[in-house]
């Protein structure tokens, strides 16, 4: 920075540092499913089994709900041009957090709605917000990926 500031800057200066880490195979679980509402329960079951293998049974209930909501949103909103032949991926990552990722073909950013008690739908991302430490989206070549992080227990 001292070298860059040999003269007064004519504009702001930004320095970006990034650290990447590779994960071992036993820290990542992924699977693909048909874009069909009938497979949401299979995705929840897969997530619960994986958490049991990792010794994270205490996160099973919240993770199953997160998986269910993200999968359902991907099926309803993420099929481009109504193409139901697409598959939907699920990836669980156990690192500093437990991360659940679900990609879909939509490029639109999801909005959290604050439903009324009488509303029968639009609770998905509101629930994800309540169950996760944080969540977000990132663009990928074929659409977007929605992720949700949960705090790991201290013993993990």
N, C-alpha and C. Protein backbone atom coordinates (compact mmCIF):
# COMPACT_ATOMS: atom_id res chain seq x y z
N UNK A 1 0.83 -1.19 0.00
CA UNK A 1 0.00 0.00 0.00
C UNK A 1 0.87 1.25 0.00
N UNK A 2 2.01 1.20 0.69
CA UNK A 2 2.88 2.37 0.69
C UNK A 2 3.41 2.67 -0.71
N UNK A 3 3.73 1.62 -1.46
CA UNK A 3 4.22 1.81 -2.83
C UNK A 3 3.12 2.41 -3.70
N UNK A 4 1.89 1.95 -3.51
CA UNK A 4 0.77 2.46 -4.29
C UNK A 4 0.49 3.92 -3.98
N UNK A 5 0.85 4.35 -2.79
CA UNK A 5 0.53 5.72 -2.38
C UNK A 5 1.73 6.66 -2.55
N UNK A 6 2.49 6.51 -3.61
CA UNK A 6 3.62 7.41 -3.86
C UNK A 6 3.14 8.84 -4.09
N UNK A 7 1.93 8.94 -4.60
CA UNK A 7 1.31 10.25 -4.76
C UNK A 7 -0.13 10.13 -4.28
N UNK A 8 -0.78 11.22 -3.98
CA UNK A 8 -2.16 11.14 -3.50
C UNK A 8 -3.04 10.38 -4.50
N UNK A 9 -3.86 9.46 -4.00
CA UNK A 9 -4.69 8.68 -4.93
C UNK A 9 -5.74 9.56 -5.60
N UNK A 10 -5.98 9.27 -6.88
CA UNK A 10 -7.01 9.99 -7.61
C UNK A 10 -8.36 9.29 -7.48
N UNK A 11 -8.33 8.09 -6.88
CA UNK A 11 -9.56 7.32 -6.69
C UNK A 11 -9.33 6.40 -5.49
N UNK A 12 -10.39 5.73 -5.07
CA UNK A 12 -10.26 4.79 -3.97
C UNK A 12 -9.42 3.59 -4.39
N UNK A 13 -8.78 2.97 -3.42
CA UNK A 13 -7.98 1.77 -3.66
C UNK A 13 -8.59 0.64 -2.86
N UNK A 14 -8.73 -0.51 -3.49
CA UNK A 14 -9.28 -1.68 -2.82
C UNK A 14 -8.29 -2.82 -2.94
N UNK A 15 -8.10 -3.52 -1.86
CA UNK A 15 -7.24 -4.69 -1.85
C UNK A 15 -8.09 -5.89 -1.45
N UNK A 16 -8.12 -6.90 -2.29
CA UNK A 16 -8.92 -8.09 -2.03
C UNK A 16 -7.98 -9.25 -1.77
N UNK A 17 -8.17 -9.88 -0.63
CA UNK A 17 -7.42 -11.08 -0.28
C UNK A 17 -8.38 -12.24 -0.17
N UNK A 18 -8.03 -13.37 -0.71
CA UNK A 18 -8.89 -14.55 -0.65
C UNK A 18 -8.05 -15.75 -0.26
N UNK A 19 -8.59 -16.54 0.62
CA UNK A 19 -7.92 -17.78 1.02
C UNK A 19 -8.86 -18.92 0.67
N UNK A 20 -8.35 -19.86 -0.08
CA UNK A 20 -9.16 -21.02 -0.42
C UNK A 20 -8.63 -22.22 0.33
N UNK A 21 -9.53 -23.11 0.62
CA UNK A 21 -9.16 -24.34 1.31
C UNK A 21 -9.83 -25.50 0.59
N UNK A 22 -9.11 -26.57 0.47
CA UNK A 22 -9.75 -27.74 -0.12
C UNK A 22 -10.33 -28.59 1.02
N UNK A 23 -11.42 -29.23 0.70
CA UNK A 23 -12.11 -30.06 1.68
C UNK A 23 -11.85 -31.52 1.35
N UNK A 24 -11.76 -32.33 2.37
CA UNK A 24 -11.59 -33.76 2.14
C UNK A 24 -12.94 -34.36 1.74
N UNK A 25 -12.89 -35.52 1.11
CA UNK A 25 -14.11 -36.17 0.60
C UNK A 25 -15.11 -36.45 1.72
N UNK A 26 -14.63 -36.71 2.94
CA UNK A 26 -15.57 -37.01 4.03
C UNK A 26 -16.22 -35.76 4.62
N UNK A 27 -15.91 -34.58 4.09
CA UNK A 27 -16.54 -33.34 4.55
C UNK A 27 -17.65 -32.86 3.62
N UNK A 28 -17.83 -33.55 2.49
CA UNK A 28 -18.80 -33.12 1.48
C UNK A 28 -19.66 -34.31 1.08
N UNK A 29 -20.95 -34.08 1.01
CA UNK A 29 -21.88 -35.09 0.50
C UNK A 29 -22.76 -34.41 -0.54
N UNK A 30 -22.90 -35.03 -1.69
CA UNK A 30 -23.74 -34.43 -2.72
C UNK A 30 -24.53 -35.51 -3.46
N UNK A 31 -25.66 -35.08 -3.99
CA UNK A 31 -26.55 -35.99 -4.70
C UNK A 31 -27.42 -35.16 -5.63
N UNK A 32 -27.93 -35.79 -6.68
CA UNK A 32 -28.85 -35.14 -7.61
C UNK A 32 -30.16 -35.90 -7.61
N UNK A 33 -31.24 -35.14 -7.77
CA UNK A 33 -32.58 -35.70 -7.76
C UNK A 33 -33.37 -35.14 -8.94
N UNK A 34 -34.37 -35.87 -9.40
CA UNK A 34 -35.25 -35.30 -10.43
C UNK A 34 -36.00 -34.09 -9.85
N UNK A 35 -36.33 -33.15 -10.72
CA UNK A 35 -37.08 -31.97 -10.30
C UNK A 35 -38.54 -32.35 -10.16
N UNK A 36 -38.86 -32.98 -9.04
CA UNK A 36 -40.20 -33.52 -8.81
C UNK A 36 -40.49 -33.38 -7.32
N UNK A 37 -41.63 -32.80 -6.96
CA UNK A 37 -41.95 -32.63 -5.53
C UNK A 37 -41.91 -33.93 -4.74
N UNK A 38 -42.09 -35.06 -5.39
CA UNK A 38 -42.09 -36.34 -4.69
C UNK A 38 -40.72 -36.70 -4.12
N UNK A 39 -39.64 -36.07 -4.60
CA UNK A 39 -38.31 -36.44 -4.12
C UNK A 39 -37.84 -35.60 -2.94
N UNK A 40 -38.64 -34.62 -2.54
CA UNK A 40 -38.23 -33.76 -1.42
C UNK A 40 -38.00 -34.60 -0.16
N UNK A 41 -38.86 -35.56 0.10
CA UNK A 41 -38.69 -36.40 1.29
C UNK A 41 -37.42 -37.25 1.18
N UNK A 42 -37.06 -37.70 -0.02
CA UNK A 42 -35.81 -38.45 -0.19
C UNK A 42 -34.60 -37.58 0.09
N UNK A 43 -34.66 -36.32 -0.33
CA UNK A 43 -33.56 -35.39 -0.06
C UNK A 43 -33.41 -35.15 1.45
N UNK A 44 -34.53 -35.01 2.14
CA UNK A 44 -34.49 -34.83 3.61
C UNK A 44 -33.87 -36.07 4.27
N UNK A 45 -34.28 -37.25 3.81
CA UNK A 45 -33.76 -38.50 4.38
C UNK A 45 -32.26 -38.61 4.15
N UNK A 46 -31.81 -38.29 2.94
CA UNK A 46 -30.38 -38.32 2.65
C UNK A 46 -29.61 -37.38 3.58
N UNK A 47 -30.15 -36.18 3.78
CA UNK A 47 -29.49 -35.21 4.66
C UNK A 47 -29.41 -35.74 6.09
N UNK A 48 -30.48 -36.32 6.59
CA UNK A 48 -30.48 -36.85 7.96
C UNK A 48 -29.48 -37.99 8.11
N UNK A 49 -29.40 -38.86 7.11
CA UNK A 49 -28.43 -39.96 7.16
C UNK A 49 -27.00 -39.44 7.16
N UNK A 50 -26.75 -38.44 6.34
CA UNK A 50 -25.40 -37.88 6.29
C UNK A 50 -25.03 -37.22 7.61
N UNK A 51 -25.96 -36.50 8.20
CA UNK A 51 -25.68 -35.87 9.50
C UNK A 51 -25.42 -36.92 10.56
N UNK A 52 -26.13 -38.04 10.52
CA UNK A 52 -25.88 -39.13 11.46
C UNK A 52 -24.46 -39.67 11.28
N UNK A 53 -24.01 -39.81 10.04
CA UNK A 53 -22.64 -40.27 9.79
C UNK A 53 -21.61 -39.30 10.34
N UNK A 54 -21.92 -38.02 10.30
CA UNK A 54 -21.01 -37.00 10.80
C UNK A 54 -21.18 -36.77 12.30
N UNK A 55 -22.10 -37.46 12.94
CA UNK A 55 -22.35 -37.25 14.36
C UNK A 55 -23.05 -35.94 14.66
N UNK A 56 -23.84 -35.45 13.72
CA UNK A 56 -24.53 -34.17 13.87
C UNK A 56 -26.04 -34.35 13.93
N UNK A 57 -26.48 -35.40 14.62
CA UNK A 57 -27.91 -35.68 14.71
C UNK A 57 -28.71 -34.52 15.28
N UNK A 58 -28.08 -33.72 16.14
CA UNK A 58 -28.79 -32.60 16.75
C UNK A 58 -29.16 -31.51 15.73
N UNK A 59 -28.56 -31.54 14.55
CA UNK A 59 -28.91 -30.58 13.50
C UNK A 59 -29.85 -31.18 12.46
N UNK A 60 -30.27 -32.42 12.66
CA UNK A 60 -31.06 -33.12 11.65
C UNK A 60 -32.41 -32.44 11.39
N UNK A 61 -33.12 -32.09 12.43
CA UNK A 61 -34.46 -31.51 12.24
C UNK A 61 -34.40 -30.19 11.48
N UNK A 62 -33.51 -29.29 11.90
CA UNK A 62 -33.42 -28.00 11.21
C UNK A 62 -32.89 -28.17 9.79
N UNK A 63 -31.94 -29.08 9.60
CA UNK A 63 -31.40 -29.31 8.26
C UNK A 63 -32.44 -29.90 7.34
N UNK A 64 -33.24 -30.82 7.84
CA UNK A 64 -34.31 -31.39 7.01
C UNK A 64 -35.29 -30.31 6.57
N UNK A 65 -35.63 -29.39 7.46
CA UNK A 65 -36.53 -28.29 7.09
C UNK A 65 -35.89 -27.36 6.06
N UNK A 66 -34.62 -27.05 6.25
CA UNK A 66 -33.91 -26.20 5.29
C UNK A 66 -33.86 -26.87 3.93
N UNK A 67 -33.48 -28.15 3.90
CA UNK A 67 -33.43 -28.90 2.64
C UNK A 67 -34.80 -28.90 1.97
N UNK A 68 -35.83 -29.16 2.74
CA UNK A 68 -37.18 -29.20 2.20
C UNK A 68 -37.56 -27.87 1.57
N UNK A 69 -37.31 -26.78 2.25
CA UNK A 69 -37.68 -25.46 1.74
C UNK A 69 -36.86 -25.08 0.52
N UNK A 70 -35.55 -25.31 0.54
CA UNK A 70 -34.72 -24.95 -0.60
C UNK A 70 -35.05 -25.80 -1.82
N UNK A 71 -35.30 -27.09 -1.59
CA UNK A 71 -35.67 -27.99 -2.69
C UNK A 71 -37.00 -27.59 -3.29
N UNK A 72 -37.97 -27.33 -2.45
CA UNK A 72 -39.29 -26.96 -2.95
C UNK A 72 -39.21 -25.67 -3.75
N UNK A 73 -38.46 -24.67 -3.26
CA UNK A 73 -38.28 -23.43 -4.01
C UNK A 73 -37.60 -23.68 -5.35
N UNK A 74 -36.60 -24.56 -5.36
CA UNK A 74 -35.90 -24.87 -6.61
C UNK A 74 -36.84 -25.53 -7.61
N UNK A 75 -37.72 -26.39 -7.13
CA UNK A 75 -38.66 -27.07 -8.02
C UNK A 75 -39.70 -26.08 -8.55
N UNK A 76 -40.24 -25.25 -7.68
CA UNK A 76 -41.31 -24.33 -8.08
C UNK A 76 -40.79 -23.16 -8.90
N UNK A 77 -39.71 -22.53 -8.44
CA UNK A 77 -39.24 -21.29 -9.05
C UNK A 77 -38.01 -21.46 -9.93
N UNK A 78 -37.32 -22.56 -9.82
CA UNK A 78 -36.03 -22.69 -10.48
C UNK A 78 -35.99 -23.42 -11.79
N UNK A 79 -37.12 -23.86 -12.29
CA UNK A 79 -37.14 -24.55 -13.57
C UNK A 79 -37.26 -23.52 -14.68
N UNK A 80 -36.21 -23.40 -15.48
CA UNK A 80 -36.27 -22.45 -16.59
C UNK A 80 -37.21 -22.96 -17.67
N UNK A 81 -38.02 -22.07 -18.17
CA UNK A 81 -38.98 -22.36 -19.22
C UNK A 81 -39.83 -23.59 -18.91
N UNK A 82 -40.10 -23.82 -17.62
CA UNK A 82 -40.96 -24.93 -17.24
C UNK A 82 -40.36 -26.30 -17.53
N UNK A 83 -39.06 -26.37 -17.68
CA UNK A 83 -38.40 -27.64 -17.98
C UNK A 83 -38.31 -28.49 -16.72
N UNK A 84 -39.21 -29.44 -16.57
CA UNK A 84 -39.23 -30.28 -15.37
C UNK A 84 -38.30 -31.48 -15.51
N UNK A 85 -37.59 -31.59 -16.65
CA UNK A 85 -36.64 -32.70 -16.82
C UNK A 85 -35.32 -32.43 -16.13
N UNK A 86 -35.13 -31.25 -15.62
CA UNK A 86 -33.89 -30.89 -14.94
C UNK A 86 -33.74 -31.67 -13.64
N UNK A 87 -32.53 -31.80 -13.20
CA UNK A 87 -32.30 -32.39 -11.89
C UNK A 87 -31.91 -31.28 -10.93
N UNK A 88 -32.08 -31.55 -9.66
CA UNK A 88 -31.73 -30.60 -8.62
C UNK A 88 -30.67 -31.24 -7.73
N UNK A 89 -29.64 -30.49 -7.46
CA UNK A 89 -28.56 -30.99 -6.64
C UNK A 89 -28.72 -30.59 -5.18
N UNK A 90 -28.12 -31.39 -4.35
CA UNK A 90 -28.04 -31.08 -2.91
C UNK A 90 -26.61 -31.34 -2.50
N UNK A 91 -26.01 -30.38 -1.85
CA UNK A 91 -24.65 -30.57 -1.34
C UNK A 91 -24.62 -30.12 0.11
N UNK A 92 -24.10 -30.99 0.97
CA UNK A 92 -23.88 -30.68 2.38
C UNK A 92 -22.38 -30.61 2.60
N UNK A 93 -21.95 -29.57 3.28
CA UNK A 93 -20.53 -29.36 3.54
C UNK A 93 -20.34 -29.18 5.04
N UNK A 94 -19.49 -30.00 5.63
CA UNK A 94 -19.15 -29.89 7.06
C UNK A 94 -17.75 -29.32 7.15
N UNK A 95 -17.66 -28.07 7.54
CA UNK A 95 -16.36 -27.42 7.68
C UNK A 95 -16.43 -26.56 8.93
N UNK A 96 -16.30 -25.28 8.82
CA UNK A 96 -16.44 -24.41 9.98
C UNK A 96 -17.91 -24.23 10.34
N UNK A 97 -18.78 -24.47 9.39
CA UNK A 97 -20.24 -24.44 9.54
C UNK A 97 -20.76 -25.69 8.85
N UNK A 98 -22.03 -25.97 9.04
CA UNK A 98 -22.71 -26.96 8.21
C UNK A 98 -23.42 -26.17 7.13
N UNK A 99 -23.03 -26.37 5.89
CA UNK A 99 -23.60 -25.63 4.78
C UNK A 99 -24.45 -26.55 3.93
N UNK A 100 -25.62 -26.10 3.59
CA UNK A 100 -26.54 -26.81 2.70
C UNK A 100 -26.65 -25.96 1.44
N UNK A 101 -26.38 -26.56 0.26
CA UNK A 101 -26.46 -25.83 -1.00
C UNK A 101 -27.44 -26.52 -1.95
N UNK A 102 -28.27 -25.73 -2.61
CA UNK A 102 -29.21 -26.24 -3.61
C UNK A 102 -29.18 -25.29 -4.80
N UNK A 103 -28.71 -25.75 -5.98
CA UNK A 103 -28.73 -24.89 -7.16
C UNK A 103 -30.06 -24.98 -7.90
N UNK A 104 -30.38 -23.93 -8.65
CA UNK A 104 -31.54 -24.00 -9.53
C UNK A 104 -31.25 -23.16 -10.77
N UNK A 105 -32.11 -23.26 -11.77
CA UNK A 105 -31.89 -22.62 -13.07
C UNK A 105 -32.33 -21.17 -13.12
N UNK A 106 -32.94 -20.66 -12.08
CA UNK A 106 -33.41 -19.27 -12.09
C UNK A 106 -32.26 -18.33 -11.77
N UNK A 107 -32.29 -17.16 -12.37
CA UNK A 107 -31.27 -16.15 -12.08
C UNK A 107 -31.81 -15.08 -11.13
N UNK A 108 -33.09 -15.17 -10.80
CA UNK A 108 -33.68 -14.15 -9.92
C UNK A 108 -33.31 -14.42 -8.47
N UNK A 109 -33.08 -13.34 -7.76
CA UNK A 109 -32.72 -13.42 -6.35
C UNK A 109 -33.99 -13.66 -5.52
N UNK A 110 -33.97 -14.65 -4.64
CA UNK A 110 -35.18 -14.92 -3.84
C UNK A 110 -35.40 -13.84 -2.79
N UNK A 111 -36.66 -13.61 -2.48
CA UNK A 111 -37.03 -12.61 -1.48
C UNK A 111 -37.67 -13.29 -0.29
N UNK A 112 -37.28 -12.86 0.89
CA UNK A 112 -37.89 -13.38 2.11
C UNK A 112 -39.21 -12.65 2.30
N UNK A 113 -40.25 -13.41 2.46
CA UNK A 113 -41.57 -12.84 2.73
C UNK A 113 -41.88 -13.07 4.20
N UNK A 114 -42.58 -12.16 4.78
CA UNK A 114 -43.00 -12.29 6.17
C UNK A 114 -44.49 -12.61 6.17
N UNK A 115 -44.80 -13.91 6.13
CA UNK A 115 -46.21 -14.31 5.97
C UNK A 115 -47.02 -14.04 7.23
N UNK A 116 -48.30 -13.85 6.99
CA UNK A 116 -49.25 -13.74 8.10
C UNK A 116 -49.54 -15.14 8.63
N UNK A 117 -50.06 -15.23 9.82
CA UNK A 117 -50.38 -16.55 10.38
C UNK A 117 -51.43 -17.27 9.57
N UNK A 118 -52.22 -16.53 8.80
CA UNK A 118 -53.26 -17.16 7.99
C UNK A 118 -52.77 -17.56 6.60
N UNK A 119 -51.54 -17.17 6.23
CA UNK A 119 -51.00 -17.53 4.92
C UNK A 119 -50.64 -19.01 4.88
N UNK A 120 -50.97 -19.67 3.78
CA UNK A 120 -50.68 -21.09 3.64
C UNK A 120 -49.38 -21.37 2.90
N UNK A 121 -48.73 -20.33 2.39
CA UNK A 121 -47.49 -20.52 1.64
C UNK A 121 -46.60 -19.30 1.82
N UNK A 122 -45.49 -19.25 1.10
CA UNK A 122 -44.51 -18.16 1.17
C UNK A 122 -43.79 -18.11 2.52
N UNK A 123 -43.63 -19.26 3.14
CA UNK A 123 -42.91 -19.32 4.42
C UNK A 123 -41.50 -19.88 4.27
N UNK A 124 -41.15 -20.38 3.08
CA UNK A 124 -39.90 -21.10 2.87
C UNK A 124 -38.66 -20.37 3.32
N UNK A 125 -38.36 -19.23 2.70
CA UNK A 125 -37.13 -18.53 3.06
C UNK A 125 -37.22 -17.87 4.43
N UNK A 126 -38.43 -17.56 4.87
CA UNK A 126 -38.59 -17.06 6.24
C UNK A 126 -38.13 -18.14 7.23
N UNK A 127 -38.52 -19.40 6.99
CA UNK A 127 -38.08 -20.50 7.85
C UNK A 127 -36.58 -20.70 7.75
N UNK A 128 -36.03 -20.65 6.54
CA UNK A 128 -34.58 -20.80 6.36
C UNK A 128 -33.85 -19.72 7.14
N UNK A 129 -34.36 -18.50 7.09
CA UNK A 129 -33.76 -17.39 7.84
C UNK A 129 -33.77 -17.67 9.34
N UNK A 130 -34.85 -18.23 9.84
CA UNK A 130 -34.98 -18.50 11.27
C UNK A 130 -34.11 -19.69 11.70
N UNK A 131 -33.91 -20.66 10.83
CA UNK A 131 -33.20 -21.89 11.19
C UNK A 131 -31.69 -21.83 10.95
N UNK A 132 -31.25 -20.91 10.13
CA UNK A 132 -29.83 -20.87 9.78
C UNK A 132 -29.14 -19.67 10.42
N UNK A 133 -27.84 -19.77 10.50
CA UNK A 133 -27.06 -18.64 11.01
C UNK A 133 -27.06 -17.52 9.99
N UNK A 134 -26.91 -17.92 8.72
CA UNK A 134 -26.99 -16.99 7.61
C UNK A 134 -27.29 -17.79 6.35
N UNK A 135 -27.76 -17.12 5.32
CA UNK A 135 -28.04 -17.76 4.05
C UNK A 135 -27.79 -16.74 2.94
N UNK A 136 -27.70 -17.23 1.73
CA UNK A 136 -27.47 -16.31 0.62
C UNK A 136 -27.54 -17.04 -0.71
N UNK A 137 -27.22 -16.30 -1.74
CA UNK A 137 -27.20 -16.87 -3.09
C UNK A 137 -25.91 -16.45 -3.78
N UNK A 138 -25.53 -17.23 -4.75
CA UNK A 138 -24.45 -16.81 -5.64
C UNK A 138 -24.78 -17.31 -7.04
N UNK A 139 -24.38 -16.53 -8.00
CA UNK A 139 -24.65 -16.89 -9.38
C UNK A 139 -23.70 -17.98 -9.84
N UNK A 140 -24.23 -18.91 -10.60
CA UNK A 140 -23.47 -19.99 -11.22
C UNK A 140 -23.81 -19.95 -12.70
N UNK A 141 -23.04 -20.63 -13.55
CA UNK A 141 -23.29 -20.54 -15.00
C UNK A 141 -24.72 -20.86 -15.43
N UNK A 142 -25.37 -21.81 -14.77
CA UNK A 142 -26.71 -22.22 -15.20
C UNK A 142 -27.83 -21.65 -14.33
N UNK A 143 -27.56 -20.64 -13.54
CA UNK A 143 -28.60 -20.08 -12.68
C UNK A 143 -28.02 -19.50 -11.41
N UNK A 144 -28.49 -20.03 -10.29
CA UNK A 144 -27.99 -19.56 -8.99
C UNK A 144 -27.90 -20.75 -8.03
N UNK A 145 -27.18 -20.53 -6.97
CA UNK A 145 -27.06 -21.52 -5.91
C UNK A 145 -27.49 -20.84 -4.62
N UNK A 146 -28.41 -21.45 -3.90
CA UNK A 146 -28.84 -20.92 -2.61
C UNK A 146 -28.18 -21.78 -1.53
N UNK A 147 -27.61 -21.13 -0.53
CA UNK A 147 -26.92 -21.84 0.54
C UNK A 147 -27.43 -21.33 1.89
N UNK A 148 -27.32 -22.20 2.87
CA UNK A 148 -27.67 -21.84 4.25
C UNK A 148 -26.65 -22.47 5.19
N UNK A 149 -26.13 -21.68 6.10
CA UNK A 149 -25.15 -22.13 7.08
C UNK A 149 -25.81 -22.32 8.44
N UNK A 150 -25.42 -23.39 9.11
CA UNK A 150 -25.82 -23.60 10.50
C UNK A 150 -24.56 -23.75 11.34
N UNK A 151 -24.63 -23.24 12.54
CA UNK A 151 -23.49 -23.34 13.47
C UNK A 151 -23.29 -24.80 13.87
N UNK A 152 -22.06 -25.27 13.80
CA UNK A 152 -21.76 -26.62 14.29
C UNK A 152 -21.64 -26.59 15.80
N UNK A 153 -22.00 -27.68 16.47
CA UNK A 153 -21.80 -27.72 17.91
C UNK A 153 -20.30 -27.67 18.23
N UNK A 154 -19.97 -27.18 19.40
CA UNK A 154 -18.56 -27.03 19.80
C UNK A 154 -17.80 -28.35 19.73
N UNK A 155 -18.47 -29.46 19.97
CA UNK A 155 -17.80 -30.76 19.96
C UNK A 155 -17.47 -31.24 18.56
N UNK A 156 -18.10 -30.65 17.52
CA UNK A 156 -17.84 -31.07 16.14
C UNK A 156 -16.56 -30.44 15.68
